[in-house]
Amino acid sequence: MSAVKQSGFTLLEILMVMAIFAIAAGVVVMVLPSDNSQIQRAEQMKTVMEYAAERAVLEGKPLGLSLTAGAYRFVILGGTLTLIPLTREPQWQEIESSRMPVSGEFAENETLSLSPLALNKSINRPPQIVFMPDGTLSVFELSFSSSASEPACCSIISEGRLPLIFNVRRSGK
């Protein structure tokens, strides 16, 4: 019998080329800059905020979130509200909790913006975002970006009730 000469590639050759392309693509993806850590941080913040809203309902007291450019702090309204208050402002107190981070700092490369409200100058100021015992909360949009000149990579949006909306913006680079 005569040997028939076949044209084309063998399965092994095709698989080798695909493996080389996959390795090259993996190297390129690892070299590209990523906003993943910032998106994860924003998702964690959203989860903690939803927990705070649920805790306000369970405890029957308003909880607040005070935000500055570099830090955050959750507080709870202390005492009881009276019809004729003795002080002009309610007294916000530190929350004691082992289940949620009650305060923390943002990374130096994170830039926050809060609308329609503004970020506090001091962490000890009254909270901008309030979670009420009836399940309502402040209307806001908290945006995260890597610098003030960069567009936000993601944001947490409140329409005054749960659930909070998590919006990831993909850049068109």
N, C-alpha and C. Protein backbone atom coordinates (compact mmCIF):
# COMPACT_ATOMS: atom_id res chain seq x y z
N MET A 1 0.83 -1.17 0.00
CA MET A 1 0.00 0.00 0.00
C MET A 1 0.88 1.24 0.00
N SER A 2 0.35 2.20 -0.63
CA SER A 2 1.10 3.44 -0.68
C SER A 2 0.66 4.35 0.46
N ALA A 3 1.60 5.09 0.97
CA ALA A 3 1.31 6.01 2.07
C ALA A 3 0.60 7.25 1.52
N VAL A 4 -0.52 7.61 2.16
CA VAL A 4 -1.28 8.78 1.74
C VAL A 4 -0.77 9.97 2.55
N LYS A 5 -0.41 11.01 1.88
CA LYS A 5 0.09 12.19 2.57
C LYS A 5 -1.11 13.06 2.96
N GLN A 6 -1.22 13.34 4.28
CA GLN A 6 -2.35 14.15 4.77
C GLN A 6 -1.89 15.59 4.96
N SER A 7 -2.79 16.50 4.68
CA SER A 7 -2.47 17.91 4.91
C SER A 7 -3.26 18.39 6.11
N GLY A 8 -2.76 19.43 6.81
CA GLY A 8 -3.44 19.97 7.96
C GLY A 8 -2.62 19.77 9.22
N PHE A 9 -3.25 20.11 10.35
CA PHE A 9 -2.56 20.03 11.64
C PHE A 9 -3.12 18.89 12.46
N THR A 10 -2.29 18.34 13.30
CA THR A 10 -2.77 17.30 14.21
C THR A 10 -3.42 17.95 15.42
N LEU A 11 -4.17 17.19 16.14
CA LEU A 11 -4.83 17.69 17.34
C LEU A 11 -3.80 18.17 18.36
N LEU A 12 -2.70 17.47 18.47
CA LEU A 12 -1.65 17.85 19.42
C LEU A 12 -1.07 19.22 19.06
N GLU A 13 -0.85 19.48 17.80
CA GLU A 13 -0.31 20.78 17.38
C GLU A 13 -1.30 21.91 17.69
N ILE A 14 -2.55 21.69 17.45
CA ILE A 14 -3.57 22.70 17.73
C ILE A 14 -3.64 22.98 19.23
N LEU A 15 -3.61 21.95 20.06
CA LEU A 15 -3.66 22.13 21.51
C LEU A 15 -2.43 22.88 22.02
N MET A 16 -1.26 22.62 21.45
CA MET A 16 -0.04 23.32 21.86
C MET A 16 -0.14 24.81 21.55
N VAL A 17 -0.65 25.16 20.38
CA VAL A 17 -0.81 26.57 20.02
C VAL A 17 -1.81 27.24 20.95
N MET A 18 -2.91 26.57 21.29
CA MET A 18 -3.90 27.14 22.21
C MET A 18 -3.30 27.35 23.58
N ALA A 19 -2.48 26.42 24.05
CA ALA A 19 -1.83 26.56 25.35
C ALA A 19 -0.89 27.76 25.36
N ILE A 20 -0.14 27.96 24.30
CA ILE A 20 0.77 29.11 24.21
C ILE A 20 -0.02 30.41 24.24
N PHE A 21 -1.14 30.48 23.49
CA PHE A 21 -1.98 31.68 23.51
C PHE A 21 -2.56 31.93 24.90
N ALA A 22 -2.99 30.89 25.59
CA ALA A 22 -3.56 31.04 26.93
C ALA A 22 -2.53 31.57 27.91
N ILE A 23 -1.32 31.06 27.84
CA ILE A 23 -0.26 31.54 28.74
C ILE A 23 0.06 33.00 28.44
N ALA A 24 0.15 33.36 27.16
CA ALA A 24 0.43 34.75 26.79
C ALA A 24 -0.69 35.68 27.27
N ALA A 25 -1.94 35.26 27.12
CA ALA A 25 -3.07 36.08 27.58
C ALA A 25 -3.04 36.23 29.10
N GLY A 26 -2.69 35.18 29.82
CA GLY A 26 -2.59 35.25 31.28
C GLY A 26 -1.53 36.24 31.73
N VAL A 27 -0.40 36.26 31.04
CA VAL A 27 0.67 37.20 31.38
C VAL A 27 0.21 38.63 31.13
N VAL A 28 -0.47 38.88 30.03
CA VAL A 28 -0.96 40.22 29.72
C VAL A 28 -1.97 40.68 30.76
N VAL A 29 -2.87 39.83 31.17
CA VAL A 29 -3.89 40.19 32.16
C VAL A 29 -3.24 40.51 33.50
N MET A 30 -2.22 39.78 33.89
CA MET A 30 -1.55 40.04 35.17
C MET A 30 -0.81 41.36 35.15
N VAL A 31 -0.36 41.83 33.99
CA VAL A 31 0.39 43.06 33.89
C VAL A 31 -0.54 44.28 33.86
N LEU A 32 -1.75 44.14 33.36
CA LEU A 32 -2.68 45.26 33.27
C LEU A 32 -3.07 45.75 34.65
N PRO A 33 -3.23 47.09 34.83
CA PRO A 33 -3.69 47.59 36.12
C PRO A 33 -5.14 47.18 36.37
N SER A 34 -5.47 47.00 37.64
CA SER A 34 -6.81 46.52 37.98
C SER A 34 -7.41 47.34 39.11
N ASP A 35 -8.72 47.58 39.03
CA ASP A 35 -9.45 48.25 40.09
C ASP A 35 -10.11 47.25 41.03
N ASN A 36 -9.75 45.97 40.91
CA ASN A 36 -10.42 44.94 41.69
C ASN A 36 -10.39 45.19 43.19
N SER A 37 -9.25 45.63 43.74
CA SER A 37 -9.18 45.84 45.19
C SER A 37 -10.12 46.96 45.60
N GLN A 38 -10.23 47.99 44.79
CA GLN A 38 -11.13 49.09 45.11
C GLN A 38 -12.59 48.66 45.00
N ILE A 39 -12.90 47.86 44.00
CA ILE A 39 -14.26 47.35 43.86
C ILE A 39 -14.61 46.44 45.03
N GLN A 40 -13.68 45.59 45.45
CA GLN A 40 -13.92 44.72 46.60
C GLN A 40 -14.14 45.55 47.86
N ARG A 41 -13.35 46.61 48.04
CA ARG A 41 -13.50 47.48 49.21
C ARG A 41 -14.88 48.14 49.20
N ALA A 42 -15.33 48.59 48.04
CA ALA A 42 -16.65 49.21 47.93
C ALA A 42 -17.76 48.19 48.21
N GLU A 43 -17.60 46.96 47.73
CA GLU A 43 -18.59 45.91 48.02
C GLU A 43 -18.64 45.61 49.51
N GLN A 44 -17.48 45.58 50.17
CA GLN A 44 -17.46 45.37 51.62
C GLN A 44 -18.18 46.50 52.34
N MET A 45 -17.95 47.74 51.89
CA MET A 45 -18.61 48.89 52.51
C MET A 45 -20.12 48.79 52.33
N LYS A 46 -20.57 48.37 51.16
CA LYS A 46 -22.00 48.20 50.90
C LYS A 46 -22.59 47.16 51.85
N THR A 47 -21.90 46.05 52.04
CA THR A 47 -22.38 44.99 52.92
C THR A 47 -22.49 45.48 54.36
N VAL A 48 -21.48 46.22 54.82
CA VAL A 48 -21.50 46.74 56.19
C VAL A 48 -22.63 47.76 56.35
N MET A 49 -22.87 48.57 55.32
CA MET A 49 -23.96 49.55 55.39
C MET A 49 -25.32 48.86 55.46
N GLU A 50 -25.49 47.78 54.70
CA GLU A 50 -26.76 47.03 54.76
C GLU A 50 -26.94 46.39 56.13
N TYR A 51 -25.85 45.90 56.72
CA TYR A 51 -25.92 45.33 58.06
C TYR A 51 -26.32 46.41 59.07
N ALA A 52 -25.75 47.61 58.92
CA ALA A 52 -26.09 48.71 59.83
C ALA A 52 -27.57 49.08 59.71
N ALA A 53 -28.11 49.06 58.49
CA ALA A 53 -29.53 49.37 58.30
C ALA A 53 -30.40 48.33 58.99
N GLU A 54 -30.03 47.06 58.88
CA GLU A 54 -30.79 46.00 59.55
C GLU A 54 -30.65 46.08 61.06
N ARG A 55 -29.48 46.45 61.53
CA ARG A 55 -29.28 46.58 62.97
C ARG A 55 -30.10 47.73 63.55
N ALA A 56 -30.24 48.82 62.80
CA ALA A 56 -31.07 49.94 63.26
C ALA A 56 -32.51 49.49 63.46
N VAL A 57 -33.01 48.65 62.56
CA VAL A 57 -34.37 48.13 62.69
C VAL A 57 -34.48 47.23 63.91
N LEU A 58 -33.51 46.33 64.09
CA LEU A 58 -33.56 45.39 65.21
C LEU A 58 -33.43 46.08 66.56
N GLU A 59 -32.58 47.11 66.66
CA GLU A 59 -32.37 47.80 67.93
C GLU A 59 -33.40 48.89 68.17
N GLY A 60 -34.10 49.30 67.13
CA GLY A 60 -35.10 50.36 67.29
C GLY A 60 -34.49 51.72 67.52
N LYS A 61 -33.23 51.91 67.13
CA LYS A 61 -32.53 53.19 67.28
C LYS A 61 -31.84 53.54 65.97
N PRO A 62 -31.80 54.83 65.65
CA PRO A 62 -31.08 55.23 64.44
C PRO A 62 -29.58 54.97 64.55
N LEU A 63 -29.00 54.50 63.47
CA LEU A 63 -27.56 54.36 63.34
C LEU A 63 -27.10 55.36 62.30
N GLY A 64 -25.88 55.84 62.45
CA GLY A 64 -25.35 56.80 61.50
C GLY A 64 -23.99 56.40 60.99
N LEU A 65 -23.64 56.93 59.84
CA LEU A 65 -22.32 56.71 59.24
C LEU A 65 -21.70 58.07 58.95
N SER A 66 -20.58 58.32 59.61
CA SER A 66 -19.83 59.55 59.39
C SER A 66 -18.66 59.24 58.47
N LEU A 67 -18.54 60.00 57.39
CA LEU A 67 -17.50 59.77 56.38
C LEU A 67 -16.62 60.99 56.22
N THR A 68 -15.31 60.77 56.19
CA THR A 68 -14.36 61.81 55.81
C THR A 68 -13.63 61.31 54.58
N ALA A 69 -12.69 62.09 54.08
CA ALA A 69 -11.93 61.67 52.90
C ALA A 69 -11.08 60.44 53.18
N GLY A 70 -10.70 60.22 54.45
CA GLY A 70 -9.80 59.11 54.75
C GLY A 70 -10.32 58.07 55.71
N ALA A 71 -11.52 58.26 56.28
CA ALA A 71 -11.99 57.31 57.29
C ALA A 71 -13.52 57.27 57.35
N TYR A 72 -14.02 56.26 58.06
CA TYR A 72 -15.46 56.15 58.31
C TYR A 72 -15.67 55.70 59.75
N ARG A 73 -16.87 55.99 60.27
CA ARG A 73 -17.22 55.58 61.63
C ARG A 73 -18.73 55.43 61.73
N PHE A 74 -19.18 54.28 62.27
CA PHE A 74 -20.59 54.05 62.53
C PHE A 74 -20.89 54.46 63.96
N VAL A 75 -22.03 55.13 64.17
CA VAL A 75 -22.45 55.58 65.49
C VAL A 75 -23.92 55.24 65.68
N ILE A 76 -24.35 55.25 66.94
CA ILE A 76 -25.75 54.99 67.27
C ILE A 76 -26.25 56.15 68.10
N LEU A 77 -27.53 56.48 67.94
CA LEU A 77 -28.11 57.57 68.70
C LEU A 77 -28.28 57.11 70.13
N GLY A 78 -27.64 57.81 71.05
CA GLY A 78 -27.69 57.43 72.46
C GLY A 78 -28.91 57.99 73.16
N GLY A 79 -29.31 57.33 74.24
CA GLY A 79 -30.44 57.79 75.03
C GLY A 79 -31.75 57.65 74.28
N THR A 80 -32.74 58.39 74.71
CA THR A 80 -34.05 58.37 74.06
C THR A 80 -34.38 59.77 73.57
N LEU A 81 -35.18 59.84 72.56
CA LEU A 81 -35.61 61.14 72.05
C LEU A 81 -36.82 61.60 72.86
N THR A 82 -36.78 62.84 73.29
CA THR A 82 -37.91 63.41 74.03
C THR A 82 -38.56 64.50 73.18
N LEU A 83 -39.77 64.86 73.56
CA LEU A 83 -40.46 65.90 72.80
C LEU A 83 -39.77 67.25 72.94
N ILE A 84 -39.24 67.54 74.13
CA ILE A 84 -38.51 68.78 74.35
C ILE A 84 -37.08 68.39 74.71
N PRO A 85 -36.22 68.33 73.73
CA PRO A 85 -34.86 67.87 74.01
C PRO A 85 -34.08 68.87 74.86
N LEU A 86 -33.21 68.34 75.70
CA LEU A 86 -32.38 69.18 76.56
C LEU A 86 -31.19 69.74 75.78
N THR A 87 -30.80 69.07 74.75
CA THR A 87 -29.69 69.56 73.93
C THR A 87 -30.19 69.80 72.51
N ARG A 88 -29.48 70.61 71.78
CA ARG A 88 -29.91 70.92 70.42
C ARG A 88 -29.65 69.77 69.46
N GLU A 89 -28.54 69.07 69.63
CA GLU A 89 -28.20 67.97 68.74
C GLU A 89 -28.28 66.65 69.47
N PRO A 90 -28.73 65.62 68.79
CA PRO A 90 -28.72 64.30 69.43
C PRO A 90 -27.28 63.86 69.69
N GLN A 91 -27.10 63.03 70.70
CA GLN A 91 -25.77 62.55 71.06
C GLN A 91 -25.50 61.22 70.38
N TRP A 92 -24.58 61.24 69.45
CA TRP A 92 -24.19 60.02 68.76
C TRP A 92 -23.06 59.36 69.53
N GLN A 93 -23.17 58.05 69.72
CA GLN A 93 -22.18 57.31 70.50
C GLN A 93 -21.57 56.21 69.64
N GLU A 94 -20.35 55.81 70.03
CA GLU A 94 -19.68 54.71 69.34
C GLU A 94 -20.51 53.44 69.44
N ILE A 95 -20.51 52.64 68.41
CA ILE A 95 -21.17 51.34 68.41
C ILE A 95 -20.18 50.30 68.91
N GLU A 96 -20.66 49.40 69.72
CA GLU A 96 -19.84 48.26 70.13
C GLU A 96 -20.37 47.04 69.38
N SER A 97 -19.51 46.45 68.56
CA SER A 97 -19.93 45.30 67.77
C SER A 97 -18.74 44.44 67.41
N SER A 98 -18.94 43.14 67.53
CA SER A 98 -17.91 42.22 67.08
C SER A 98 -18.25 41.68 65.69
N ARG A 99 -19.44 41.99 65.20
CA ARG A 99 -19.89 41.46 63.90
C ARG A 99 -19.64 42.39 62.73
N MET A 100 -19.39 43.66 63.00
CA MET A 100 -19.17 44.60 61.90
C MET A 100 -18.04 45.54 62.25
N PRO A 101 -17.27 45.96 61.25
CA PRO A 101 -16.24 46.96 61.53
C PRO A 101 -16.90 48.32 61.77
N VAL A 102 -16.79 48.84 62.98
CA VAL A 102 -17.49 50.06 63.34
C VAL A 102 -16.73 51.32 62.92
N SER A 103 -15.47 51.17 62.59
CA SER A 103 -14.69 52.30 62.08
C SER A 103 -13.53 51.76 61.27
N GLY A 104 -12.99 52.61 60.45
CA GLY A 104 -11.86 52.19 59.63
C GLY A 104 -11.34 53.33 58.79
N GLU A 105 -10.24 53.05 58.13
CA GLU A 105 -9.62 54.05 57.27
C GLU A 105 -9.61 53.55 55.83
N PHE A 106 -9.69 54.49 54.92
CA PHE A 106 -9.61 54.16 53.50
C PHE A 106 -8.14 54.22 53.08
N ALA A 107 -7.81 53.49 52.04
CA ALA A 107 -6.43 53.49 51.53
C ALA A 107 -6.09 54.87 50.97
N GLU A 108 -4.79 55.17 50.96
CA GLU A 108 -4.36 56.47 50.46
C GLU A 108 -4.71 56.67 48.99
N ASN A 109 -4.77 55.58 48.23
CA ASN A 109 -5.09 55.72 46.81
C ASN A 109 -6.59 55.72 46.53
N GLU A 110 -7.42 55.75 47.57
CA GLU A 110 -8.88 55.80 47.39
C GLU A 110 -9.37 57.23 47.57
N THR A 111 -10.18 57.68 46.63
CA THR A 111 -10.81 58.98 46.74
C THR A 111 -12.32 58.76 46.77
N LEU A 112 -12.98 59.37 47.76
CA LEU A 112 -14.43 59.23 47.91
C LEU A 112 -15.12 60.52 47.54
N SER A 113 -16.32 60.39 47.03
CA SER A 113 -17.19 61.56 46.88
C SER A 113 -18.59 61.14 47.30
N LEU A 114 -19.27 62.04 47.97
CA LEU A 114 -20.60 61.77 48.51
C LEU A 114 -21.54 62.84 48.00
N SER A 115 -22.61 62.43 47.34
CA SER A 115 -23.58 63.40 46.87
C SER A 115 -24.98 62.90 47.24
N PRO A 116 -25.93 63.74 47.49
CA PRO A 116 -25.89 65.19 47.46
C PRO A 116 -25.26 65.80 48.70
N LEU A 117 -24.73 64.99 49.58
CA LEU A 117 -24.11 65.46 50.81
C LEU A 117 -22.62 65.70 50.57
N ALA A 118 -21.93 66.17 51.60
CA ALA A 118 -20.48 66.39 51.51
C ALA A 118 -19.78 65.56 52.57
N LEU A 119 -18.53 65.25 52.33
CA LEU A 119 -17.73 64.52 53.31
C LEU A 119 -17.44 65.43 54.49
N ASN A 120 -17.42 64.85 55.71
CA ASN A 120 -17.08 65.61 56.91
C ASN A 120 -15.60 65.96 56.93
N LYS A 121 -15.27 67.06 57.61
CA LYS A 121 -13.87 67.42 57.82
C LYS A 121 -13.27 66.60 58.96
N SER A 122 -14.10 66.26 59.95
CA SER A 122 -13.65 65.48 61.11
C SER A 122 -14.55 64.27 61.28
N ILE A 123 -13.96 63.17 61.71
CA ILE A 123 -14.73 61.93 61.92
C ILE A 123 -15.69 62.07 63.10
N ASN A 124 -15.48 63.05 63.97
CA ASN A 124 -16.33 63.22 65.15
C ASN A 124 -17.55 64.09 64.89
N ARG A 125 -17.76 64.52 63.68
CA ARG A 125 -18.95 65.30 63.33
C ARG A 125 -20.17 64.38 63.27
N PRO A 126 -21.38 64.94 63.35
CA PRO A 126 -22.58 64.10 63.20
C PRO A 126 -22.58 63.38 61.85
N PRO A 127 -23.20 62.23 61.80
CA PRO A 127 -23.15 61.42 60.57
C PRO A 127 -23.94 62.06 59.42
N GLN A 128 -23.46 61.83 58.21
CA GLN A 128 -24.18 62.31 57.03
C GLN A 128 -25.25 61.30 56.60
N ILE A 129 -24.97 60.02 56.79
CA ILE A 129 -25.90 58.97 56.38
C ILE A 129 -26.53 58.39 57.63
N VAL A 130 -27.87 58.37 57.66
CA VAL A 130 -28.59 57.87 58.84
C VAL A 130 -29.47 56.69 58.42
N PHE A 131 -29.39 55.62 59.19
CA PHE A 131 -30.21 54.41 59.00
C PHE A 131 -31.28 54.44 60.09
N MET A 132 -32.55 54.59 59.70
CA MET A 132 -33.64 54.75 60.66
C MET A 132 -34.23 53.40 61.07
N PRO A 133 -34.86 53.35 62.27
CA PRO A 133 -35.44 52.09 62.75
C PRO A 133 -36.63 51.60 61.93
N ASP A 134 -37.24 52.48 61.11
CA ASP A 134 -38.36 52.03 60.28
C ASP A 134 -37.90 51.45 58.94
N GLY A 135 -36.58 51.34 58.76
CA GLY A 135 -36.04 50.74 57.54
C GLY A 135 -35.65 51.74 56.46
N THR A 136 -35.95 53.01 56.67
CA THR A 136 -35.54 54.01 55.69
C THR A 136 -34.12 54.48 56.00
N LEU A 137 -33.50 55.08 55.02
CA LEU A 137 -32.17 55.63 55.21
C LEU A 137 -31.97 56.83 54.31
N SER A 138 -30.89 57.55 54.54
CA SER A 138 -30.60 58.75 53.76
C SER A 138 -30.44 58.40 52.28
N VAL A 139 -30.81 59.35 51.43
CA VAL A 139 -30.60 59.20 49.99
C VAL A 139 -29.19 59.72 49.70
N PHE A 140 -28.39 58.92 49.01
CA PHE A 140 -27.01 59.32 48.73
C PHE A 140 -26.43 58.51 47.59
N GLU A 141 -25.29 58.98 47.10
CA GLU A 141 -24.44 58.21 46.19
C GLU A 141 -23.01 58.38 46.67
N LEU A 142 -22.39 57.28 47.05
CA LEU A 142 -21.01 57.26 47.52
C LEU A 142 -20.16 56.65 46.42
N SER A 143 -19.27 57.46 45.84
CA SER A 143 -18.45 57.01 44.70
C SER A 143 -17.00 56.81 45.12
N PHE A 144 -16.38 55.78 44.56
CA PHE A 144 -14.99 55.44 44.84
C PHE A 144 -14.17 55.63 43.57
N SER A 145 -13.02 56.28 43.68
CA SER A 145 -12.10 56.40 42.55
C SER A 145 -10.67 56.37 43.07
N SER A 146 -9.72 56.23 42.15
CA SER A 146 -8.32 56.14 42.57
C SER A 146 -7.68 57.51 42.74
N SER A 147 -8.25 58.55 42.18
CA SER A 147 -7.79 59.92 42.41
C SER A 147 -8.91 60.88 42.05
N ALA A 148 -8.77 62.14 42.48
CA ALA A 148 -9.82 63.12 42.23
C ALA A 148 -10.00 63.40 40.74
N SER A 149 -8.94 63.22 39.96
CA SER A 149 -9.04 63.49 38.52
C SER A 149 -9.58 62.30 37.73
N GLU A 150 -9.59 61.12 38.34
CA GLU A 150 -10.07 59.91 37.67
C GLU A 150 -11.58 59.78 37.84
N PRO A 151 -12.27 59.21 36.86
CA PRO A 151 -13.70 58.92 37.05
C PRO A 151 -13.88 57.80 38.08
N ALA A 152 -15.03 57.78 38.71
CA ALA A 152 -15.30 56.76 39.74
C ALA A 152 -15.35 55.38 39.11
N CYS A 153 -14.75 54.40 39.82
CA CYS A 153 -14.78 53.02 39.31
C CYS A 153 -16.09 52.35 39.72
N CYS A 154 -16.65 52.78 40.85
CA CYS A 154 -17.88 52.16 41.33
C CYS A 154 -18.56 53.10 42.33
N SER A 155 -19.82 52.83 42.61
CA SER A 155 -20.55 53.65 43.57
C SER A 155 -21.62 52.83 44.27
N ILE A 156 -21.97 53.29 45.47
CA ILE A 156 -23.06 52.72 46.25
C ILE A 156 -24.17 53.76 46.24
N ILE A 157 -25.36 53.35 45.82
CA ILE A 157 -26.47 54.28 45.67
C ILE A 157 -27.61 53.87 46.59
N SER A 158 -28.15 54.85 47.32
CA SER A 158 -29.32 54.61 48.17
C SER A 158 -30.47 55.44 47.63
N GLU A 159 -31.62 54.78 47.50
CA GLU A 159 -32.84 55.48 47.10
C GLU A 159 -33.76 55.68 48.30
N GLY A 160 -33.19 55.60 49.51
CA GLY A 160 -33.96 55.83 50.72
C GLY A 160 -34.43 54.57 51.41
N ARG A 161 -34.10 53.41 50.85
CA ARG A 161 -34.50 52.13 51.45
C ARG A 161 -33.55 51.05 50.94
N LEU A 162 -33.61 49.90 51.57
CA LEU A 162 -32.82 48.76 51.09
C LEU A 162 -33.52 48.14 49.91
N PRO A 163 -32.86 47.49 49.02
CA PRO A 163 -31.42 47.23 49.00
C PRO A 163 -30.66 48.41 48.42
N LEU A 164 -29.39 48.51 48.82
CA LEU A 164 -28.50 49.50 48.23
C LEU A 164 -28.10 49.01 46.83
N ILE A 165 -27.88 49.94 45.95
CA ILE A 165 -27.51 49.60 44.57
C ILE A 165 -26.00 49.73 44.44
N PHE A 166 -25.37 48.71 43.88
CA PHE A 166 -23.93 48.74 43.65
C PHE A 166 -23.70 48.88 42.16
N ASN A 167 -23.07 49.97 41.76
CA ASN A 167 -22.87 50.27 40.34
C ASN A 167 -21.38 50.27 40.02
N VAL A 168 -20.95 49.39 39.12
CA VAL A 168 -19.55 49.33 38.68
C VAL A 168 -19.48 49.97 37.30
N ARG A 169 -18.60 50.95 37.18
CA ARG A 169 -18.41 51.63 35.90
C ARG A 169 -17.15 51.09 35.25
N ARG A 170 -17.29 50.59 34.07
CA ARG A 170 -16.15 50.08 33.32
C ARG A 170 -15.61 51.21 32.45
N SER A 171 -14.31 51.42 32.52
CA SER A 171 -13.70 52.47 31.70
C SER A 171 -13.54 51.96 30.27
N GLY A 172 -13.66 52.85 29.35
CA GLY A 172 -13.56 52.49 27.94
C GLY A 172 -12.16 52.69 27.39
N LYS A 173 -11.14 52.25 28.12
CA LYS A 173 -9.75 52.42 27.68
C LYS A 173 -9.39 51.42 26.64
